[in-house]
Amino acid sequence: MSLFNMKNVFKILVMTFLGMNLYALEISKTKTFTKKLQADFQSTTLSISHRAQYDYEIESLFNKVIKAVEKSTLCTGGKYDIHESYKYVNNERIPDGFTSHIRFECSFKDTKDYEKLLDKLKKMDMKLNQGAISYKITGKQKEEAKASLEKEAFTYGKEYSKQLKKFFGPCDIKSINLIQEGSAASPYRMMAVESTALKSTVTSPLKEEIDYKLNVEYIFKCNE
């Protein structure tokens, strides 16, 4: 049997197996495209809690905190609620002042700017905790990476359709489904900021490249 006839027999068997007719064959393929990004910004979480005899004391303190944070332009957040606290004496519930908690999400490129903010906050009478510091990529970096990978994915699709043509005749891209792969979240853990230290010192994590991934699902339509 000639090579040409073998090729036709192979195509017939593939189309029959897939339940397709001889005039249209759809082929699906999934591929992941990756671009390495260099992160320059670091991020962390600041959590502040305070207990006072009167609610207005907490409100006054947290207003100072919010002003200091806003002036630094490093953090977002700052919403809080004040709750009345109680204690039990001889099985009797007795008012025991007020408590509140406020949280900020901070992002910075220069650790010195963040250290200055910590120094200001440590001078206030409150409990200050900081989350683990990690590197992050910016929204602009993500958009640029996405545009680059989408272009790469489309170019790959056109080249792959040419390879399919060798076996199944003319093939075109019927559809492309782009799925951005989410990154795993870092474990949430807080640690106390030492208030007795004269100066705040922030230790940055090791700087590593971050993989930005785009999963692509192709469907190719080939005609005899």
N, C-alpha and C. Protein backbone atom coordinates (compact mmCIF):
# COMPACT_ATOMS: atom_id res chain seq x y z
N MET A 1 0.86 -1.20 0.00
CA MET A 1 0.00 0.00 0.00
C MET A 1 0.89 1.24 0.00
N SER A 2 0.57 2.25 -0.79
CA SER A 2 1.40 3.44 -0.90
C SER A 2 1.26 4.30 0.34
N LEU A 3 2.23 5.23 0.50
CA LEU A 3 2.21 6.15 1.64
C LEU A 3 0.97 7.02 1.60
N PHE A 4 0.53 7.41 0.41
CA PHE A 4 -0.65 8.27 0.26
C PHE A 4 -1.89 7.54 0.76
N ASN A 5 -2.02 6.26 0.37
CA ASN A 5 -3.17 5.48 0.81
C ASN A 5 -3.14 5.22 2.32
N MET A 6 -1.94 4.98 2.84
CA MET A 6 -1.81 4.79 4.29
C MET A 6 -2.27 6.04 5.04
N LYS A 7 -1.93 7.21 4.51
CA LYS A 7 -2.32 8.47 5.13
C LYS A 7 -3.84 8.60 5.15
N ASN A 8 -4.49 8.24 4.04
CA ASN A 8 -5.95 8.34 3.97
C ASN A 8 -6.63 7.37 4.93
N VAL A 9 -6.09 6.16 5.03
CA VAL A 9 -6.65 5.17 5.94
C VAL A 9 -6.53 5.66 7.38
N PHE A 10 -5.37 6.27 7.70
CA PHE A 10 -5.16 6.78 9.06
C PHE A 10 -6.17 7.87 9.40
N LYS A 11 -6.43 8.76 8.44
CA LYS A 11 -7.39 9.84 8.67
C LYS A 11 -8.79 9.29 8.87
N ILE A 12 -9.15 8.31 8.11
CA ILE A 12 -10.49 7.73 8.23
C ILE A 12 -10.68 7.09 9.60
N LEU A 13 -9.64 6.36 10.05
CA LEU A 13 -9.72 5.71 11.34
C LEU A 13 -9.84 6.73 12.48
N VAL A 14 -9.06 7.81 12.41
CA VAL A 14 -9.11 8.84 13.45
C VAL A 14 -10.47 9.50 13.48
N MET A 15 -11.02 9.85 12.33
CA MET A 15 -12.31 10.53 12.27
C MET A 15 -13.44 9.62 12.74
N THR A 16 -13.34 8.35 12.41
CA THR A 16 -14.37 7.40 12.83
C THR A 16 -14.34 7.23 14.34
N PHE A 17 -13.13 7.15 14.88
CA PHE A 17 -12.98 6.98 16.32
C PHE A 17 -13.55 8.18 17.09
N LEU A 18 -13.38 9.35 16.55
CA LEU A 18 -13.86 10.56 17.21
C LEU A 18 -15.33 10.85 16.91
N GLY A 19 -15.95 10.05 16.12
CA GLY A 19 -17.35 10.27 15.80
C GLY A 19 -17.56 11.43 14.85
N MET A 20 -16.53 11.78 14.07
CA MET A 20 -16.62 12.92 13.16
C MET A 20 -16.95 12.40 11.76
N ASN A 21 -17.44 13.32 10.92
CA ASN A 21 -17.57 12.95 9.51
C ASN A 21 -16.25 13.22 8.82
N LEU A 22 -16.16 12.85 7.55
CA LEU A 22 -14.90 12.98 6.82
C LEU A 22 -14.63 14.41 6.38
N TYR A 23 -15.52 15.31 6.64
CA TYR A 23 -15.35 16.66 6.11
C TYR A 23 -15.03 17.68 7.20
N ALA A 24 -15.13 17.31 8.46
CA ALA A 24 -14.81 18.25 9.52
C ALA A 24 -14.30 17.51 10.73
N LEU A 25 -13.16 17.93 11.20
CA LEU A 25 -12.55 17.30 12.37
C LEU A 25 -12.13 18.41 13.33
N GLU A 26 -12.55 18.30 14.58
CA GLU A 26 -12.15 19.27 15.58
C GLU A 26 -11.14 18.64 16.53
N ILE A 27 -10.04 19.32 16.72
CA ILE A 27 -8.95 18.83 17.57
C ILE A 27 -8.72 19.84 18.69
N SER A 28 -8.70 19.37 19.91
CA SER A 28 -8.46 20.26 21.06
C SER A 28 -7.04 20.07 21.59
N LYS A 29 -6.50 21.14 22.12
CA LYS A 29 -5.15 21.10 22.68
C LYS A 29 -5.04 22.15 23.79
N THR A 30 -4.32 21.79 24.84
CA THR A 30 -4.09 22.71 25.96
C THR A 30 -2.59 22.95 26.13
N LYS A 31 -2.22 24.20 26.33
CA LYS A 31 -0.80 24.53 26.50
C LYS A 31 -0.67 25.68 27.49
N THR A 32 0.39 25.64 28.29
CA THR A 32 0.67 26.69 29.28
C THR A 32 1.86 27.53 28.83
N PHE A 33 1.67 28.84 28.84
CA PHE A 33 2.73 29.78 28.49
C PHE A 33 3.16 30.51 29.76
N THR A 34 4.48 30.68 29.92
CA THR A 34 5.01 31.26 31.15
C THR A 34 5.95 32.42 30.85
N LYS A 35 5.83 33.46 31.65
CA LYS A 35 6.74 34.60 31.54
C LYS A 35 7.27 34.92 32.94
N LYS A 36 8.58 35.04 33.07
CA LYS A 36 9.19 35.34 34.36
C LYS A 36 9.23 36.85 34.59
N LEU A 37 8.76 37.27 35.76
CA LEU A 37 8.70 38.69 36.10
C LEU A 37 9.57 38.98 37.32
N GLN A 38 10.22 40.13 37.28
CA GLN A 38 11.05 40.56 38.39
C GLN A 38 10.24 41.51 39.27
N ALA A 39 9.94 41.08 40.48
CA ALA A 39 9.12 41.90 41.39
C ALA A 39 10.01 42.89 42.14
N ASP A 40 9.59 44.15 42.15
CA ASP A 40 10.34 45.19 42.86
C ASP A 40 9.63 45.65 44.13
N PHE A 41 8.33 45.43 44.20
CA PHE A 41 7.57 45.89 45.36
C PHE A 41 7.40 44.77 46.38
N GLN A 42 7.42 45.15 47.65
CA GLN A 42 7.16 44.21 48.74
C GLN A 42 5.82 44.55 49.38
N SER A 43 5.18 43.55 49.94
CA SER A 43 3.88 43.77 50.56
C SER A 43 3.80 43.07 51.91
N THR A 44 2.96 43.60 52.78
CA THR A 44 2.75 43.01 54.09
C THR A 44 1.43 43.53 54.66
N THR A 45 1.05 43.00 55.80
CA THR A 45 -0.18 43.41 56.48
C THR A 45 0.15 43.95 57.86
N LEU A 46 -0.42 45.10 58.19
CA LEU A 46 -0.28 45.66 59.53
C LEU A 46 -1.59 45.50 60.27
N SER A 47 -1.54 44.94 61.44
CA SER A 47 -2.73 44.74 62.25
C SER A 47 -2.53 45.43 63.60
N ILE A 48 -3.47 46.31 63.95
CA ILE A 48 -3.35 47.10 65.17
C ILE A 48 -4.58 46.86 66.04
N SER A 49 -4.36 46.61 67.32
CA SER A 49 -5.46 46.42 68.26
C SER A 49 -5.22 47.28 69.48
N HIS A 50 -6.32 47.66 70.14
CA HIS A 50 -6.20 48.52 71.32
C HIS A 50 -7.38 48.31 72.25
N ARG A 51 -7.11 48.44 73.54
CA ARG A 51 -8.14 48.35 74.57
C ARG A 51 -8.08 49.64 75.39
N ALA A 52 -9.26 50.20 75.68
CA ALA A 52 -9.32 51.43 76.46
C ALA A 52 -10.57 51.44 77.33
N GLN A 53 -10.58 52.34 78.29
CA GLN A 53 -11.73 52.41 79.20
C GLN A 53 -12.95 53.02 78.49
N TYR A 54 -12.67 53.96 77.59
CA TYR A 54 -13.77 54.65 76.90
C TYR A 54 -13.60 54.50 75.39
N ASP A 55 -14.71 54.45 74.68
CA ASP A 55 -14.65 54.26 73.23
C ASP A 55 -14.03 55.45 72.51
N TYR A 56 -14.22 56.66 73.04
CA TYR A 56 -13.67 57.83 72.37
C TYR A 56 -12.14 57.84 72.41
N GLU A 57 -11.55 57.13 73.40
CA GLU A 57 -10.10 57.03 73.45
C GLU A 57 -9.57 56.22 72.27
N ILE A 58 -10.26 55.15 71.95
CA ILE A 58 -9.87 54.33 70.79
C ILE A 58 -10.05 55.12 69.50
N GLU A 59 -11.18 55.80 69.40
CA GLU A 59 -11.46 56.59 68.20
C GLU A 59 -10.40 57.66 67.99
N SER A 60 -9.99 58.32 69.04
CA SER A 60 -8.96 59.35 68.95
C SER A 60 -7.63 58.77 68.51
N LEU A 61 -7.27 57.63 69.09
CA LEU A 61 -6.00 56.98 68.74
C LEU A 61 -5.99 56.51 67.29
N PHE A 62 -7.06 55.84 66.87
CA PHE A 62 -7.10 55.29 65.52
C PHE A 62 -7.17 56.39 64.46
N ASN A 63 -7.75 57.54 64.80
CA ASN A 63 -7.73 58.67 63.86
C ASN A 63 -6.30 59.14 63.61
N LYS A 64 -5.47 59.12 64.66
CA LYS A 64 -4.06 59.48 64.52
C LYS A 64 -3.33 58.44 63.67
N VAL A 65 -3.68 57.18 63.90
CA VAL A 65 -3.05 56.10 63.12
C VAL A 65 -3.38 56.25 61.64
N ILE A 66 -4.64 56.47 61.33
CA ILE A 66 -5.08 56.59 59.94
C ILE A 66 -4.40 57.77 59.26
N LYS A 67 -4.27 58.90 59.96
CA LYS A 67 -3.60 60.07 59.38
C LYS A 67 -2.14 59.78 59.07
N ALA A 68 -1.47 59.08 59.98
CA ALA A 68 -0.06 58.74 59.78
C ALA A 68 0.11 57.79 58.59
N VAL A 69 -0.78 56.83 58.48
CA VAL A 69 -0.71 55.86 57.39
C VAL A 69 -1.02 56.53 56.05
N GLU A 70 -2.05 57.37 56.03
CA GLU A 70 -2.41 58.07 54.80
C GLU A 70 -1.28 58.98 54.32
N LYS A 71 -0.60 59.61 55.26
CA LYS A 71 0.51 60.50 54.91
C LYS A 71 1.66 59.74 54.27
N SER A 72 1.85 58.50 54.68
CA SER A 72 2.94 57.69 54.13
C SER A 72 2.66 57.23 52.71
N THR A 73 1.37 57.14 52.34
CA THR A 73 0.90 56.67 51.02
C THR A 73 1.34 55.23 50.71
N LEU A 74 1.66 54.46 51.74
CA LEU A 74 2.15 53.09 51.53
C LEU A 74 1.06 52.04 51.72
N CYS A 75 -0.02 52.39 52.42
CA CYS A 75 -0.99 51.38 52.84
C CYS A 75 -2.42 51.78 52.48
N THR A 76 -3.26 50.77 52.37
CA THR A 76 -4.69 50.96 52.17
C THR A 76 -5.44 50.23 53.28
N GLY A 77 -6.71 50.55 53.42
CA GLY A 77 -7.51 49.93 54.48
C GLY A 77 -7.79 50.95 55.57
N GLY A 78 -8.04 50.49 56.77
CA GLY A 78 -8.23 51.40 57.89
C GLY A 78 -9.63 51.43 58.48
N LYS A 79 -10.49 50.50 58.07
CA LYS A 79 -11.82 50.46 58.66
C LYS A 79 -11.78 49.73 60.00
N TYR A 80 -12.60 50.19 60.94
CA TYR A 80 -12.61 49.53 62.24
C TYR A 80 -13.96 49.72 62.93
N ASP A 81 -14.25 48.84 63.85
CA ASP A 81 -15.43 48.91 64.70
C ASP A 81 -14.97 48.85 66.15
N ILE A 82 -15.70 49.52 67.03
CA ILE A 82 -15.39 49.51 68.45
C ILE A 82 -16.41 48.64 69.18
N HIS A 83 -15.91 47.73 69.98
CA HIS A 83 -16.79 46.80 70.69
C HIS A 83 -16.63 46.93 72.20
N GLU A 84 -17.73 46.86 72.90
CA GLU A 84 -17.68 46.92 74.35
C GLU A 84 -17.20 45.57 74.89
N SER A 85 -16.33 45.64 75.88
CA SER A 85 -15.76 44.42 76.47
C SER A 85 -16.38 44.18 77.85
N TYR A 86 -16.42 42.89 78.24
CA TYR A 86 -17.02 42.53 79.52
C TYR A 86 -16.11 41.55 80.26
N LYS A 87 -16.28 41.52 81.55
CA LYS A 87 -15.63 40.51 82.38
C LYS A 87 -16.66 39.97 83.37
N TYR A 88 -16.36 38.81 83.90
CA TYR A 88 -17.31 38.16 84.82
C TYR A 88 -16.74 38.12 86.24
N VAL A 89 -17.53 38.61 87.16
CA VAL A 89 -17.17 38.59 88.58
C VAL A 89 -18.33 37.96 89.35
N ASN A 90 -18.03 36.84 89.98
CA ASN A 90 -19.09 36.09 90.71
C ASN A 90 -20.29 35.80 89.80
N ASN A 91 -19.96 35.33 88.58
CA ASN A 91 -20.98 34.98 87.59
C ASN A 91 -21.81 36.17 87.12
N GLU A 92 -21.33 37.35 87.38
CA GLU A 92 -22.04 38.55 86.92
C GLU A 92 -21.20 39.25 85.84
N ARG A 93 -21.86 39.55 84.73
CA ARG A 93 -21.15 40.21 83.62
C ARG A 93 -21.06 41.70 83.90
N ILE A 94 -19.81 42.20 83.87
CA ILE A 94 -19.56 43.60 84.20
C ILE A 94 -18.82 44.26 83.03
N PRO A 95 -19.22 45.47 82.62
CA PRO A 95 -18.50 46.18 81.55
C PRO A 95 -17.03 46.36 81.89
N ASP A 96 -16.17 46.13 80.88
CA ASP A 96 -14.73 46.20 81.11
C ASP A 96 -14.05 46.97 79.99
N GLY A 97 -14.55 48.15 79.68
CA GLY A 97 -13.93 48.99 78.67
C GLY A 97 -14.32 48.62 77.25
N PHE A 98 -13.46 49.01 76.32
CA PHE A 98 -13.76 48.82 74.90
C PHE A 98 -12.52 48.29 74.18
N THR A 99 -12.73 47.56 73.09
CA THR A 99 -11.63 47.04 72.27
C THR A 99 -11.93 47.31 70.81
N SER A 100 -10.87 47.34 70.01
CA SER A 100 -11.04 47.52 68.58
C SER A 100 -9.81 47.01 67.84
N HIS A 101 -9.98 46.84 66.55
CA HIS A 101 -8.93 46.28 65.70
C HIS A 101 -8.99 46.98 64.35
N ILE A 102 -7.82 47.33 63.83
CA ILE A 102 -7.74 48.00 62.54
C ILE A 102 -6.62 47.34 61.72
N ARG A 103 -6.84 47.24 60.42
CA ARG A 103 -5.89 46.50 59.58
C ARG A 103 -5.57 47.29 58.31
N PHE A 104 -4.30 47.18 57.87
CA PHE A 104 -3.85 47.86 56.66
C PHE A 104 -3.08 46.89 55.76
N GLU A 105 -3.24 47.05 54.46
CA GLU A 105 -2.44 46.31 53.48
C GLU A 105 -1.40 47.28 52.94
N CYS A 106 -0.11 46.96 53.12
CA CYS A 106 0.96 47.89 52.77
C CYS A 106 1.82 47.34 51.63
N SER A 107 2.27 48.26 50.77
CA SER A 107 3.12 47.91 49.64
C SER A 107 4.20 48.99 49.51
N PHE A 108 5.43 48.57 49.36
CA PHE A 108 6.52 49.54 49.31
C PHE A 108 7.69 48.98 48.49
N LYS A 109 8.44 49.92 47.91
CA LYS A 109 9.62 49.56 47.13
C LYS A 109 10.89 49.77 47.95
N ASP A 110 10.88 50.83 48.73
CA ASP A 110 12.02 51.16 49.59
C ASP A 110 11.67 50.83 51.04
N THR A 111 12.40 49.92 51.65
CA THR A 111 12.10 49.51 53.02
C THR A 111 12.26 50.66 54.01
N LYS A 112 13.08 51.65 53.67
CA LYS A 112 13.30 52.77 54.58
C LYS A 112 12.01 53.57 54.79
N ASP A 113 11.22 53.72 53.73
CA ASP A 113 9.94 54.43 53.86
C ASP A 113 9.01 53.69 54.80
N TYR A 114 8.99 52.38 54.68
CA TYR A 114 8.12 51.57 55.54
C TYR A 114 8.62 51.59 56.98
N GLU A 115 9.93 51.57 57.17
CA GLU A 115 10.50 51.62 58.51
C GLU A 115 10.16 52.93 59.21
N LYS A 116 10.13 54.02 58.46
CA LYS A 116 9.75 55.32 59.03
C LYS A 116 8.30 55.29 59.53
N LEU A 117 7.42 54.64 58.77
CA LEU A 117 6.04 54.52 59.19
C LEU A 117 5.94 53.71 60.47
N LEU A 118 6.67 52.61 60.55
CA LEU A 118 6.66 51.78 61.76
C LEU A 118 7.14 52.57 62.97
N ASP A 119 8.17 53.38 62.78
CA ASP A 119 8.70 54.18 63.89
C ASP A 119 7.63 55.13 64.44
N LYS A 120 6.84 55.71 63.54
CA LYS A 120 5.77 56.62 63.98
C LYS A 120 4.69 55.86 64.74
N LEU A 121 4.32 54.71 64.23
CA LEU A 121 3.25 53.94 64.86
C LEU A 121 3.66 53.36 66.21
N LYS A 122 4.94 53.02 66.35
CA LYS A 122 5.42 52.42 67.60
C LYS A 122 5.39 53.42 68.76
N LYS A 123 5.36 54.69 68.44
CA LYS A 123 5.31 55.71 69.48
C LYS A 123 3.92 55.83 70.10
N MET A 124 2.94 55.22 69.46
CA MET A 124 1.57 55.27 69.97
C MET A 124 1.32 54.06 70.87
N ASP A 125 0.51 54.25 71.87
CA ASP A 125 0.25 53.20 72.87
C ASP A 125 -0.78 52.21 72.33
N MET A 126 -0.30 51.17 71.65
CA MET A 126 -1.20 50.17 71.06
C MET A 126 -0.40 48.92 70.71
N LYS A 127 -1.10 47.84 70.41
CA LYS A 127 -0.46 46.59 70.02
C LYS A 127 -0.37 46.54 68.51
N LEU A 128 0.84 46.38 68.02
CA LEU A 128 1.09 46.41 66.58
C LEU A 128 1.68 45.08 66.12
N ASN A 129 1.04 44.45 65.14
CA ASN A 129 1.52 43.19 64.57
C ASN A 129 1.71 43.34 63.07
N GLN A 130 2.70 42.63 62.55
CA GLN A 130 3.01 42.69 61.12
C GLN A 130 2.98 41.31 60.51
N GLY A 131 2.42 41.20 59.31
CA GLY A 131 2.40 39.94 58.60
C GLY A 131 3.72 39.67 57.91
N ALA A 132 3.86 38.50 57.36
CA ALA A 132 5.07 38.14 56.62
C ALA A 132 5.22 39.05 55.41
N ILE A 133 6.46 39.44 55.11
CA ILE A 133 6.73 40.30 53.96
C ILE A 133 7.03 39.42 52.74
N SER A 134 6.42 39.75 51.62
CA SER A 134 6.66 39.00 50.39
C SER A 134 6.72 39.96 49.21
N TYR A 135 7.36 39.52 48.14
CA TYR A 135 7.43 40.34 46.94
C TYR A 135 6.16 40.18 46.13
N LYS A 136 5.78 41.22 45.41
CA LYS A 136 4.57 41.19 44.60
C LYS A 136 4.83 41.87 43.26
N ILE A 137 4.09 41.45 42.25
CA ILE A 137 4.17 42.11 40.95
C ILE A 137 3.01 43.08 40.84
N THR A 138 3.24 44.16 40.14
CA THR A 138 2.23 45.21 40.04
C THR A 138 1.19 44.88 38.98
N GLY A 139 0.08 45.61 39.03
CA GLY A 139 -0.97 45.42 38.03
C GLY A 139 -0.48 45.70 36.63
N LYS A 140 0.40 46.69 36.49
CA LYS A 140 0.95 47.03 35.17
C LYS A 140 1.80 45.90 34.64
N GLN A 141 2.60 45.29 35.51
CA GLN A 141 3.42 44.15 35.09
C GLN A 141 2.55 42.99 34.62
N LYS A 142 1.45 42.75 35.34
CA LYS A 142 0.54 41.67 34.97
C LYS A 142 -0.09 41.92 33.61
N GLU A 143 -0.53 43.16 33.37
CA GLU A 143 -1.17 43.49 32.10
C GLU A 143 -0.19 43.34 30.94
N GLU A 144 1.05 43.80 31.14
CA GLU A 144 2.07 43.68 30.08
C GLU A 144 2.41 42.22 29.81
N ALA A 145 2.52 41.42 30.88
CA ALA A 145 2.82 39.99 30.73
C ALA A 145 1.68 39.27 30.02
N LYS A 146 0.45 39.62 30.38
CA LYS A 146 -0.71 38.99 29.77
C LYS A 146 -0.77 39.28 28.28
N ALA A 147 -0.52 40.55 27.90
CA ALA A 147 -0.54 40.93 26.49
C ALA A 147 0.54 40.19 25.71
N SER A 148 1.71 40.06 26.32
CA SER A 148 2.83 39.36 25.67
C SER A 148 2.52 37.88 25.47
N LEU A 149 1.96 37.24 26.51
CA LEU A 149 1.65 35.81 26.42
C LEU A 149 0.49 35.53 25.47
N GLU A 150 -0.48 36.45 25.41
CA GLU A 150 -1.59 36.28 24.48
C GLU A 150 -1.08 36.30 23.03
N LYS A 151 -0.15 37.20 22.76
CA LYS A 151 0.46 37.27 21.42
C LYS A 151 1.22 35.99 21.11
N GLU A 152 1.97 35.51 22.11
CA GLU A 152 2.73 34.27 21.94
C GLU A 152 1.79 33.09 21.71
N ALA A 153 0.66 33.08 22.43
CA ALA A 153 -0.30 31.98 22.30
C ALA A 153 -0.94 31.97 20.91
N PHE A 154 -1.26 33.15 20.39
CA PHE A 154 -1.89 33.22 19.07
C PHE A 154 -0.91 32.79 17.98
N THR A 155 0.36 33.21 18.12
CA THR A 155 1.40 32.81 17.15
C THR A 155 1.60 31.30 17.18
N TYR A 156 1.60 30.73 18.40
CA TYR A 156 1.75 29.28 18.53
C TYR A 156 0.58 28.55 17.86
N GLY A 157 -0.63 29.08 18.06
CA GLY A 157 -1.81 28.45 17.46
C GLY A 157 -1.74 28.41 15.94
N LYS A 158 -1.28 29.49 15.34
CA LYS A 158 -1.16 29.53 13.88
C LYS A 158 -0.11 28.52 13.38
N GLU A 159 1.01 28.43 14.12
CA GLU A 159 2.05 27.49 13.72
C GLU A 159 1.60 26.04 13.91
N TYR A 160 0.84 25.79 14.97
CA TYR A 160 0.36 24.44 15.23
C TYR A 160 -0.66 24.00 14.18
N SER A 161 -1.47 24.94 13.72
CA SER A 161 -2.45 24.61 12.67
C SER A 161 -1.74 24.21 11.38
N LYS A 162 -0.57 24.79 11.14
CA LYS A 162 0.21 24.41 9.95
C LYS A 162 0.73 22.98 10.09
N GLN A 163 1.11 22.58 11.31
CA GLN A 163 1.57 21.21 11.53
C GLN A 163 0.43 20.21 11.35
N LEU A 164 -0.77 20.59 11.81
CA LEU A 164 -1.92 19.70 11.63
C LEU A 164 -2.26 19.51 10.17
N LYS A 165 -2.00 20.53 9.37
CA LYS A 165 -2.32 20.47 7.94
C LYS A 165 -1.60 19.31 7.25
N LYS A 166 -0.42 18.95 7.76
CA LYS A 166 0.36 17.86 7.16
C LYS A 166 -0.37 16.53 7.26
N PHE A 167 -1.26 16.40 8.26
CA PHE A 167 -1.94 15.13 8.49
C PHE A 167 -3.43 15.16 8.18
N PHE A 168 -4.05 16.33 8.37
CA PHE A 168 -5.50 16.40 8.25
C PHE A 168 -6.00 17.40 7.21
N GLY A 169 -5.13 17.93 6.39
CA GLY A 169 -5.57 18.91 5.42
C GLY A 169 -5.65 20.30 6.05
N PRO A 170 -6.26 21.26 5.38
CA PRO A 170 -6.34 22.65 5.89
C PRO A 170 -6.97 22.71 7.28
N CYS A 171 -6.29 23.37 8.19
CA CYS A 171 -6.79 23.51 9.56
C CYS A 171 -6.72 24.97 9.99
N ASP A 172 -7.73 25.39 10.72
CA ASP A 172 -7.77 26.76 11.25
C ASP A 172 -8.10 26.72 12.74
N ILE A 173 -7.79 27.82 13.41
CA ILE A 173 -8.15 27.95 14.82
C ILE A 173 -9.63 28.29 14.91
N LYS A 174 -10.40 27.41 15.54
CA LYS A 174 -11.83 27.68 15.72
C LYS A 174 -12.07 28.56 16.94
N SER A 175 -11.36 28.28 18.04
CA SER A 175 -11.53 29.08 19.24
C SER A 175 -10.29 28.98 20.11
N ILE A 176 -10.05 30.03 20.90
CA ILE A 176 -8.97 30.07 21.87
C ILE A 176 -9.55 30.54 23.20
N ASN A 177 -9.37 29.75 24.25
CA ASN A 177 -9.86 30.11 25.58
C ASN A 177 -8.65 30.37 26.47
N LEU A 178 -8.53 31.62 26.96
CA LEU A 178 -7.39 32.02 27.78
C LEU A 178 -7.77 31.94 29.26
N ILE A 179 -6.97 31.23 30.03
CA ILE A 179 -7.24 31.06 31.47
C ILE A 179 -6.00 31.47 32.25
N GLN A 180 -6.10 32.59 32.97
CA GLN A 180 -4.97 33.04 33.78
C GLN A 180 -4.84 32.15 35.00
N GLU A 181 -3.63 31.68 35.24
CA GLU A 181 -3.40 30.79 36.38
C GLU A 181 -3.14 31.61 37.63
N GLY A 182 -3.91 31.38 38.68
CA GLY A 182 -3.73 32.11 39.92
C GLY A 182 -2.54 31.59 40.70
N SER A 183 -1.89 32.49 41.43
CA SER A 183 -0.75 32.09 42.25
C SER A 183 -1.23 31.69 43.64
N ALA A 184 -0.51 30.78 44.25
CA ALA A 184 -0.88 30.30 45.58
C ALA A 184 -0.65 31.39 46.61
N ALA A 185 -1.59 31.55 47.52
CA ALA A 185 -1.47 32.58 48.56
C ALA A 185 -0.45 32.17 49.61
N SER A 186 0.27 33.16 50.11
CA SER A 186 1.24 32.89 51.17
C SER A 186 0.51 32.60 52.48
N PRO A 187 1.08 31.75 53.33
CA PRO A 187 0.43 31.46 54.62
C PRO A 187 0.24 32.74 55.41
N TYR A 188 -0.94 32.89 56.02
CA TYR A 188 -1.23 34.10 56.79
C TYR A 188 -0.69 33.92 58.20
N ARG A 189 0.31 34.71 58.56
CA ARG A 189 0.85 34.64 59.91
C ARG A 189 1.30 36.04 60.32
N MET A 190 1.05 36.36 61.55
CA MET A 190 1.39 37.69 62.08
C MET A 190 2.47 37.55 63.14
N MET A 191 3.28 38.60 63.29
CA MET A 191 4.27 38.62 64.35
C MET A 191 4.31 40.01 64.96
N ALA A 192 4.60 40.08 66.25
CA ALA A 192 4.60 41.35 66.96
C ALA A 192 5.75 42.22 66.51
N VAL A 193 5.50 43.52 66.41
CA VAL A 193 6.55 44.49 66.12
C VAL A 193 7.11 44.97 67.45
N GLU A 194 8.40 44.84 67.63
CA GLU A 194 9.03 45.19 68.90
C GLU A 194 8.95 46.70 69.14
N SER A 195 8.20 47.09 70.14
CA SER A 195 7.98 48.51 70.38
C SER A 195 9.12 49.17 71.16
N THR A 196 9.99 48.36 71.77
CA THR A 196 11.07 48.93 72.56
C THR A 196 12.31 49.24 71.72
N ALA A 197 12.34 48.75 70.50
CA ALA A 197 13.50 49.01 69.63
C ALA A 197 13.54 50.50 69.26
N LEU A 198 14.76 51.05 69.26
CA LEU A 198 14.89 52.47 68.94
C LEU A 198 14.53 52.74 67.48
N LYS A 199 14.94 51.85 66.61
CA LYS A 199 14.67 52.02 65.19
C LYS A 199 14.13 50.72 64.60
N SER A 200 13.18 50.87 63.70
CA SER A 200 12.61 49.68 63.05
C SER A 200 13.55 49.20 61.95
N THR A 201 13.74 47.91 61.87
CA THR A 201 14.56 47.31 60.82
C THR A 201 13.76 46.22 60.14
N VAL A 202 13.53 46.38 58.85
CA VAL A 202 12.74 45.42 58.09
C VAL A 202 13.67 44.51 57.30
N THR A 203 13.50 43.21 57.46
CA THR A 203 14.29 42.23 56.72
C THR A 203 13.50 41.76 55.51
N SER A 204 14.02 42.05 54.34
CA SER A 204 13.32 41.66 53.11
C SER A 204 13.59 40.19 52.80
N PRO A 205 12.62 39.50 52.21
CA PRO A 205 12.84 38.10 51.81
C PRO A 205 13.77 38.05 50.60
N LEU A 206 14.28 36.87 50.31
CA LEU A 206 15.13 36.72 49.13
C LEU A 206 14.33 37.06 47.87
N LYS A 207 14.96 37.81 47.01
CA LYS A 207 14.28 38.26 45.80
C LYS A 207 14.34 37.17 44.74
N GLU A 208 13.18 36.75 44.27
CA GLU A 208 13.10 35.70 43.26
C GLU A 208 12.19 36.14 42.12
N GLU A 209 12.44 35.57 40.96
CA GLU A 209 11.55 35.84 39.83
C GLU A 209 10.21 35.14 40.05
N ILE A 210 9.15 35.79 39.62
CA ILE A 210 7.81 35.25 39.79
C ILE A 210 7.27 34.81 38.43
N ASP A 211 6.75 33.59 38.37
CA ASP A 211 6.20 33.05 37.12
C ASP A 211 4.76 33.54 36.93
N TYR A 212 4.53 34.18 35.80
CA TYR A 212 3.17 34.57 35.42
C TYR A 212 2.74 33.61 34.32
N LYS A 213 1.66 32.86 34.57
CA LYS A 213 1.27 31.79 33.65
C LYS A 213 -0.09 32.06 33.01
N LEU A 214 -0.18 31.59 31.77
CA LEU A 214 -1.43 31.70 31.02
C LEU A 214 -1.73 30.33 30.41
N ASN A 215 -2.82 29.71 30.84
CA ASN A 215 -3.24 28.43 30.27
C ASN A 215 -4.16 28.70 29.08
N VAL A 216 -3.90 28.01 27.99
CA VAL A 216 -4.66 28.26 26.76
C VAL A 216 -5.27 26.95 26.26
N GLU A 217 -6.57 26.99 25.98
CA GLU A 217 -7.28 25.85 25.41
C GLU A 217 -7.62 26.18 23.96
N TYR A 218 -7.10 25.38 23.05
CA TYR A 218 -7.33 25.58 21.61
C TYR A 218 -8.34 24.56 21.10
N ILE A 219 -9.11 24.95 20.10
CA ILE A 219 -9.88 24.02 19.29
C ILE A 219 -9.58 24.35 17.85
N PHE A 220 -9.05 23.36 17.13
CA PHE A 220 -8.72 23.51 15.72
C PHE A 220 -9.76 22.77 14.88
N LYS A 221 -10.16 23.37 13.79
CA LYS A 221 -11.12 22.74 12.87
C LYS A 221 -10.40 22.45 11.55
N CYS A 222 -10.39 21.17 11.21
CA CYS A 222 -9.71 20.74 10.01
C CYS A 222 -10.73 20.19 8.99
N ASN A 223 -10.57 20.56 7.76
CA ASN A 223 -11.45 20.10 6.68
C ASN A 223 -10.69 19.27 5.68
N GLU A 224 -11.37 18.31 5.13
CA GLU A 224 -10.77 17.42 4.12
C GLU A 224 -10.65 18.15 2.78
